N, C-alpha and C. Protein backbone atom coordinates (compact mmCIF):
# COMPACT_ATOMS: atom_id res chain seq x y z
N GLY A 1 -32.43 -131.79 21.26
CA GLY A 1 -32.60 -133.07 21.89
C GLY A 1 -31.78 -133.13 23.15
N TYR A 2 -32.27 -133.85 24.11
CA TYR A 2 -31.51 -133.99 25.35
C TYR A 2 -31.13 -135.44 25.61
N GLY A 3 -31.28 -136.29 24.62
CA GLY A 3 -30.95 -137.70 24.79
C GLY A 3 -29.47 -137.96 24.94
N TYR A 4 -28.65 -137.14 24.26
CA TYR A 4 -27.21 -137.34 24.36
C TYR A 4 -26.64 -136.25 25.24
N ALA A 5 -26.06 -136.64 26.31
CA ALA A 5 -25.42 -135.68 27.20
C ALA A 5 -24.33 -136.40 27.96
N LYS A 6 -23.28 -135.68 28.27
CA LYS A 6 -22.19 -136.27 29.03
C LYS A 6 -22.50 -136.11 30.52
N LEU A 7 -23.55 -136.76 30.93
CA LEU A 7 -23.99 -136.75 32.31
C LEU A 7 -24.26 -138.17 32.75
N SER A 8 -24.36 -138.34 34.05
CA SER A 8 -24.66 -139.68 34.55
C SER A 8 -26.06 -140.08 34.10
N ARG A 9 -26.28 -141.38 34.04
CA ARG A 9 -27.61 -141.89 33.67
C ARG A 9 -28.67 -141.41 34.67
N GLU A 10 -28.28 -141.32 35.93
CA GLU A 10 -29.23 -140.89 36.96
C GLU A 10 -29.71 -139.46 36.70
N ILE A 11 -28.79 -138.56 36.41
CA ILE A 11 -29.17 -137.17 36.14
C ILE A 11 -29.94 -137.09 34.84
N SER A 12 -29.50 -137.81 33.81
CA SER A 12 -30.21 -137.80 32.53
C SER A 12 -31.64 -138.31 32.70
N ALA A 13 -31.83 -139.30 33.56
CA ALA A 13 -33.17 -139.85 33.80
C ALA A 13 -34.07 -138.84 34.50
N GLN A 14 -33.48 -137.90 35.23
CA GLN A 14 -34.26 -136.89 35.95
C GLN A 14 -34.62 -135.69 35.07
N TRP A 15 -33.98 -135.54 33.93
CA TRP A 15 -34.21 -134.37 33.08
C TRP A 15 -35.67 -134.14 32.74
N PRO A 16 -36.43 -135.18 32.37
CA PRO A 16 -37.84 -134.91 32.04
C PRO A 16 -38.61 -134.23 33.16
N SER A 17 -38.27 -134.52 34.41
CA SER A 17 -38.99 -133.89 35.53
C SER A 17 -38.71 -132.40 35.60
N PHE A 18 -37.60 -131.95 35.03
CA PHE A 18 -37.29 -130.52 34.98
C PHE A 18 -37.78 -129.90 33.67
N ILE A 19 -37.56 -130.61 32.59
CA ILE A 19 -37.82 -130.06 31.26
C ILE A 19 -39.31 -130.08 30.93
N ASP A 20 -40.00 -131.16 31.24
CA ASP A 20 -41.42 -131.27 30.88
C ASP A 20 -42.26 -130.11 31.43
N PRO A 21 -42.15 -129.78 32.72
CA PRO A 21 -42.95 -128.64 33.20
C PRO A 21 -42.60 -127.33 32.50
N TYR A 22 -41.33 -127.13 32.23
CA TYR A 22 -40.92 -125.91 31.52
C TYR A 22 -41.56 -125.86 30.14
N LEU A 23 -41.47 -126.94 29.41
CA LEU A 23 -42.04 -126.97 28.07
C LEU A 23 -43.56 -126.86 28.10
N ARG A 24 -44.19 -127.43 29.09
CA ARG A 24 -45.65 -127.43 29.19
C ARG A 24 -46.19 -126.08 29.65
N GLU A 25 -45.48 -125.41 30.55
CA GLU A 25 -46.04 -124.25 31.24
C GLU A 25 -45.46 -122.90 30.84
N ARG A 26 -44.36 -122.86 30.14
CA ARG A 26 -43.72 -121.59 29.81
C ARG A 26 -44.56 -120.81 28.79
N PRO A 27 -45.21 -119.72 29.20
CA PRO A 27 -46.12 -119.03 28.28
C PRO A 27 -45.41 -118.30 27.13
N THR A 28 -44.16 -117.93 27.33
CA THR A 28 -43.46 -117.16 26.29
C THR A 28 -42.64 -118.03 25.34
N LEU A 29 -42.77 -119.32 25.46
CA LEU A 29 -42.00 -120.23 24.60
C LEU A 29 -42.61 -120.22 23.20
N ALA A 30 -41.89 -119.62 22.26
CA ALA A 30 -42.43 -119.41 20.91
C ALA A 30 -42.18 -120.59 19.98
N LEU A 31 -41.07 -121.30 20.16
CA LEU A 31 -40.71 -122.39 19.26
C LEU A 31 -39.71 -123.31 19.96
N CYS A 32 -39.95 -124.59 19.88
CA CYS A 32 -39.01 -125.58 20.41
C CYS A 32 -38.25 -126.19 19.23
N LEU A 33 -36.96 -126.26 19.36
CA LEU A 33 -36.12 -126.87 18.34
C LEU A 33 -35.73 -128.26 18.83
N VAL A 34 -36.10 -129.26 18.07
CA VAL A 34 -35.77 -130.64 18.41
C VAL A 34 -34.58 -131.02 17.54
N LEU A 35 -33.41 -131.13 18.15
CA LEU A 35 -32.19 -131.45 17.42
C LEU A 35 -32.06 -132.96 17.30
N VAL A 36 -32.08 -133.44 16.06
CA VAL A 36 -32.01 -134.87 15.77
C VAL A 36 -30.80 -135.11 14.88
N ASP A 37 -29.93 -136.02 15.27
CA ASP A 37 -28.74 -136.36 14.48
C ASP A 37 -29.19 -137.08 13.22
N SER A 38 -28.96 -136.47 12.06
CA SER A 38 -29.43 -137.07 10.81
C SER A 38 -28.61 -138.29 10.39
N ASN A 39 -27.49 -138.54 11.06
CA ASN A 39 -26.63 -139.68 10.73
C ASN A 39 -27.12 -140.99 11.32
N ILE A 40 -28.01 -140.90 12.27
CA ILE A 40 -28.49 -142.12 12.93
C ILE A 40 -30.02 -142.11 12.94
N SER A 41 -30.60 -143.25 13.17
CA SER A 41 -32.05 -143.33 13.27
C SER A 41 -32.52 -142.49 14.44
N PRO A 42 -33.70 -141.91 14.33
CA PRO A 42 -34.22 -141.14 15.48
C PRO A 42 -34.23 -142.01 16.73
N GLN A 43 -33.74 -141.43 17.80
CA GLN A 43 -33.65 -142.15 19.07
C GLN A 43 -34.99 -142.10 19.80
N GLU A 44 -35.16 -142.99 20.73
CA GLU A 44 -36.40 -143.04 21.51
C GLU A 44 -36.66 -141.71 22.20
N SER A 45 -35.59 -141.10 22.74
CA SER A 45 -35.77 -139.81 23.43
C SER A 45 -36.22 -138.72 22.46
N ASP A 46 -35.75 -138.78 21.21
CA ASP A 46 -36.20 -137.83 20.19
C ASP A 46 -37.69 -137.99 19.95
N GLU A 47 -38.12 -139.22 19.75
CA GLU A 47 -39.53 -139.51 19.48
C GLU A 47 -40.41 -139.12 20.66
N GLN A 48 -39.93 -139.38 21.87
CA GLN A 48 -40.70 -139.02 23.06
C GLN A 48 -40.88 -137.51 23.17
N LEU A 49 -39.81 -136.77 22.90
CA LEU A 49 -39.90 -135.31 22.96
C LEU A 49 -40.86 -134.78 21.90
N ILE A 50 -40.78 -135.31 20.69
CA ILE A 50 -41.67 -134.87 19.61
C ILE A 50 -43.12 -135.17 19.98
N GLU A 51 -43.38 -136.36 20.49
CA GLU A 51 -44.74 -136.72 20.91
C GLU A 51 -45.24 -135.80 22.02
N PHE A 52 -44.37 -135.51 22.97
CA PHE A 52 -44.73 -134.63 24.08
C PHE A 52 -45.09 -133.24 23.57
N LEU A 53 -44.25 -132.68 22.69
CA LEU A 53 -44.50 -131.34 22.16
C LEU A 53 -45.80 -131.29 21.36
N ALA A 54 -46.02 -132.32 20.56
CA ALA A 54 -47.26 -132.37 19.76
C ALA A 54 -48.48 -132.46 20.68
N ALA A 55 -48.41 -133.32 21.68
CA ALA A 55 -49.53 -133.49 22.61
C ALA A 55 -49.77 -132.23 23.44
N SER A 56 -48.71 -131.47 23.69
CA SER A 56 -48.81 -130.24 24.47
C SER A 56 -49.17 -129.04 23.60
N ALA A 57 -49.33 -129.27 22.31
CA ALA A 57 -49.64 -128.20 21.35
C ALA A 57 -48.59 -127.11 21.35
N ARG A 58 -47.34 -127.51 21.54
CA ARG A 58 -46.22 -126.57 21.49
C ARG A 58 -45.67 -126.54 20.07
N PRO A 59 -45.43 -125.34 19.55
CA PRO A 59 -44.83 -125.27 18.22
C PRO A 59 -43.39 -125.80 18.27
N PHE A 60 -43.04 -126.62 17.28
CA PHE A 60 -41.68 -127.15 17.26
C PHE A 60 -41.22 -127.35 15.83
N LEU A 61 -39.92 -127.41 15.70
CA LEU A 61 -39.26 -127.64 14.43
C LEU A 61 -38.21 -128.72 14.66
N ILE A 62 -38.22 -129.75 13.83
CA ILE A 62 -37.18 -130.78 13.92
C ILE A 62 -36.00 -130.31 13.08
N VAL A 63 -34.84 -130.20 13.72
CA VAL A 63 -33.62 -129.78 13.04
C VAL A 63 -32.74 -131.02 12.88
N ALA A 64 -32.58 -131.45 11.63
CA ALA A 64 -31.78 -132.64 11.32
C ALA A 64 -30.32 -132.21 11.23
N THR A 65 -29.59 -132.38 12.32
CA THR A 65 -28.22 -131.88 12.42
C THR A 65 -27.23 -132.79 11.68
N LYS A 66 -26.03 -132.26 11.51
CA LYS A 66 -24.92 -132.99 10.89
C LYS A 66 -25.25 -133.43 9.47
N SER A 67 -26.07 -132.66 8.78
CA SER A 67 -26.49 -133.04 7.43
C SER A 67 -25.32 -133.05 6.44
N ASP A 68 -24.23 -132.39 6.77
CA ASP A 68 -23.06 -132.37 5.89
C ASP A 68 -22.36 -133.73 5.83
N ARG A 69 -22.60 -134.58 6.78
CA ARG A 69 -21.92 -135.88 6.84
C ARG A 69 -22.56 -136.93 5.93
N LEU A 70 -23.69 -136.58 5.32
CA LEU A 70 -24.40 -137.54 4.47
C LEU A 70 -24.34 -137.11 3.02
N SER A 71 -24.35 -138.09 2.12
CA SER A 71 -24.47 -137.78 0.69
C SER A 71 -25.89 -137.27 0.45
N GLY A 72 -26.12 -136.71 -0.71
CA GLY A 72 -27.45 -136.21 -1.05
C GLY A 72 -28.53 -137.25 -0.89
N ASN A 73 -28.27 -138.46 -1.41
CA ASN A 73 -29.26 -139.54 -1.31
C ASN A 73 -29.46 -139.99 0.14
N GLN A 74 -28.37 -140.08 0.89
CA GLN A 74 -28.47 -140.49 2.29
C GLN A 74 -29.27 -139.47 3.09
N LEU A 75 -29.02 -138.19 2.82
CA LEU A 75 -29.75 -137.14 3.53
C LEU A 75 -31.24 -137.19 3.19
N GLN A 76 -31.55 -137.35 1.91
CA GLN A 76 -32.96 -137.43 1.51
C GLN A 76 -33.64 -138.63 2.17
N ASN A 77 -32.93 -139.74 2.28
CA ASN A 77 -33.48 -140.92 2.94
C ASN A 77 -33.72 -140.65 4.43
N ALA A 78 -32.75 -140.01 5.08
CA ALA A 78 -32.90 -139.68 6.50
C ALA A 78 -34.08 -138.74 6.72
N LEU A 79 -34.24 -137.75 5.84
CA LEU A 79 -35.36 -136.81 5.95
C LEU A 79 -36.69 -137.52 5.69
N ARG A 80 -36.68 -138.45 4.74
CA ARG A 80 -37.90 -139.21 4.44
C ARG A 80 -38.35 -140.01 5.67
N ILE A 81 -37.39 -140.64 6.33
CA ILE A 81 -37.72 -141.42 7.54
C ILE A 81 -38.31 -140.50 8.62
N LEU A 82 -37.70 -139.34 8.81
CA LEU A 82 -38.22 -138.39 9.79
C LEU A 82 -39.63 -137.95 9.43
N ARG A 83 -39.86 -137.68 8.14
CA ARG A 83 -41.20 -137.25 7.70
C ARG A 83 -42.24 -138.35 7.87
N GLU A 84 -41.84 -139.59 7.58
CA GLU A 84 -42.77 -140.71 7.74
C GLU A 84 -43.17 -140.89 9.20
N ARG A 85 -42.22 -140.71 10.10
CA ARG A 85 -42.50 -140.89 11.52
C ARG A 85 -43.23 -139.68 12.12
N ASN A 86 -43.07 -138.52 11.47
CA ASN A 86 -43.63 -137.27 11.99
C ASN A 86 -44.25 -136.47 10.86
N PRO A 87 -45.34 -136.97 10.27
CA PRO A 87 -45.88 -136.35 9.06
C PRO A 87 -46.35 -134.91 9.22
N ALA A 88 -46.73 -134.50 10.41
CA ALA A 88 -47.22 -133.13 10.60
C ALA A 88 -46.10 -132.16 10.98
N ALA A 89 -44.91 -132.67 11.22
CA ALA A 89 -43.81 -131.83 11.71
C ALA A 89 -43.07 -131.13 10.57
N ARG A 90 -42.55 -129.97 10.91
CA ARG A 90 -41.64 -129.27 9.99
C ARG A 90 -40.23 -129.80 10.28
N ILE A 91 -39.48 -130.08 9.21
CA ILE A 91 -38.14 -130.66 9.35
C ILE A 91 -37.17 -129.85 8.52
N LEU A 92 -36.05 -129.48 9.13
CA LEU A 92 -35.05 -128.66 8.46
C LEU A 92 -33.68 -129.32 8.56
N PRO A 93 -33.06 -129.66 7.43
CA PRO A 93 -31.68 -130.17 7.49
C PRO A 93 -30.74 -129.02 7.85
N PHE A 94 -29.72 -129.33 8.65
CA PHE A 94 -28.83 -128.28 9.16
C PHE A 94 -27.42 -128.82 9.33
N SER A 95 -26.44 -127.96 9.05
CA SER A 95 -25.04 -128.31 9.30
C SER A 95 -24.34 -127.12 9.94
N ALA A 96 -23.87 -127.30 11.16
CA ALA A 96 -23.09 -126.25 11.81
C ALA A 96 -21.75 -126.09 11.11
N LYS A 97 -21.25 -127.17 10.54
CA LYS A 97 -19.94 -127.15 9.89
C LYS A 97 -19.96 -126.33 8.61
N THR A 98 -20.94 -126.55 7.76
CA THR A 98 -20.99 -125.85 6.46
C THR A 98 -21.91 -124.64 6.48
N GLY A 99 -22.76 -124.55 7.47
CA GLY A 99 -23.73 -123.46 7.52
C GLY A 99 -25.01 -123.74 6.75
N ALA A 100 -25.10 -124.91 6.13
CA ALA A 100 -26.32 -125.27 5.39
C ALA A 100 -27.52 -125.26 6.33
N GLY A 101 -28.57 -124.57 5.94
CA GLY A 101 -29.78 -124.49 6.74
C GLY A 101 -29.77 -123.39 7.78
N LYS A 102 -28.64 -122.71 7.93
CA LYS A 102 -28.53 -121.68 8.98
C LYS A 102 -29.52 -120.55 8.76
N GLU A 103 -29.57 -120.01 7.55
CA GLU A 103 -30.47 -118.89 7.29
C GLU A 103 -31.93 -119.32 7.42
N GLU A 104 -32.25 -120.52 6.94
CA GLU A 104 -33.62 -121.02 7.06
C GLU A 104 -34.01 -121.19 8.53
N LEU A 105 -33.07 -121.66 9.34
CA LEU A 105 -33.34 -121.84 10.77
C LEU A 105 -33.63 -120.49 11.42
N TRP A 106 -32.79 -119.49 11.12
CA TRP A 106 -33.03 -118.16 11.69
C TRP A 106 -34.36 -117.58 11.21
N GLN A 107 -34.73 -117.85 9.97
CA GLN A 107 -36.03 -117.38 9.47
C GLN A 107 -37.17 -117.99 10.28
N GLU A 108 -37.07 -119.28 10.54
CA GLU A 108 -38.10 -119.97 11.33
C GLU A 108 -38.19 -119.40 12.75
N ILE A 109 -37.03 -119.14 13.35
CA ILE A 109 -36.99 -118.59 14.71
C ILE A 109 -37.60 -117.20 14.73
N ARG A 110 -37.20 -116.35 13.78
CA ARG A 110 -37.75 -114.99 13.71
C ARG A 110 -39.26 -115.01 13.49
N LYS A 111 -39.71 -115.87 12.57
CA LYS A 111 -41.13 -115.97 12.27
C LYS A 111 -41.92 -116.38 13.52
N ALA A 112 -41.41 -117.36 14.25
CA ALA A 112 -42.09 -117.81 15.47
C ALA A 112 -42.09 -116.72 16.54
N ALA A 113 -40.97 -116.02 16.69
CA ALA A 113 -40.89 -114.95 17.69
C ALA A 113 -41.85 -113.81 17.35
N GLU A 114 -41.92 -113.46 16.08
CA GLU A 114 -42.84 -112.39 15.65
C GLU A 114 -44.29 -112.80 15.87
N ALA A 115 -44.63 -114.03 15.53
CA ALA A 115 -46.00 -114.51 15.72
C ALA A 115 -46.36 -114.53 17.21
N ALA A 116 -45.42 -114.93 18.05
CA ALA A 116 -45.68 -114.97 19.49
C ALA A 116 -45.85 -113.56 20.05
N ALA A 117 -45.05 -112.62 19.56
CA ALA A 117 -45.16 -111.23 20.02
C ALA A 117 -46.51 -110.64 19.63
N ILE A 118 -46.96 -110.95 18.43
CA ILE A 118 -48.26 -110.44 17.97
C ILE A 118 -49.39 -111.03 18.80
N SER A 119 -49.32 -112.32 19.10
CA SER A 119 -50.40 -112.96 19.86
C SER A 119 -50.43 -112.48 21.31
N ARG A 120 -49.30 -112.03 21.85
CA ARG A 120 -49.26 -111.53 23.23
C ARG A 120 -49.72 -110.08 23.32
N SER A 121 -49.73 -109.36 22.19
CA SER A 121 -50.10 -107.93 22.26
C SER A 121 -51.57 -107.70 22.01
């Protein structure tokens, strides 16, 4: 996600003009990772990026970050909300702190890279 950044509002507002063409036109882009903070409701910028990727037919994976900060029930509720808003999307809970979801994330990245390599050959 690019919604949270320690940059001026002016520069942050210009990001889509740089990022959108890259995401739309980059032929070797195998998988986009949409980082969504699982502790808070999905932000408008998260939803816009997901909609853009879906409309552009770009493969993407929603990574629900900071999953270690939530109890089991809270995490399941956060994931449920993400699934309801994005029923066709793949969603992976992840914690950089505990490593939860790390191996699954790498599996998804490898799988996407291998599929892209096969389709290019």
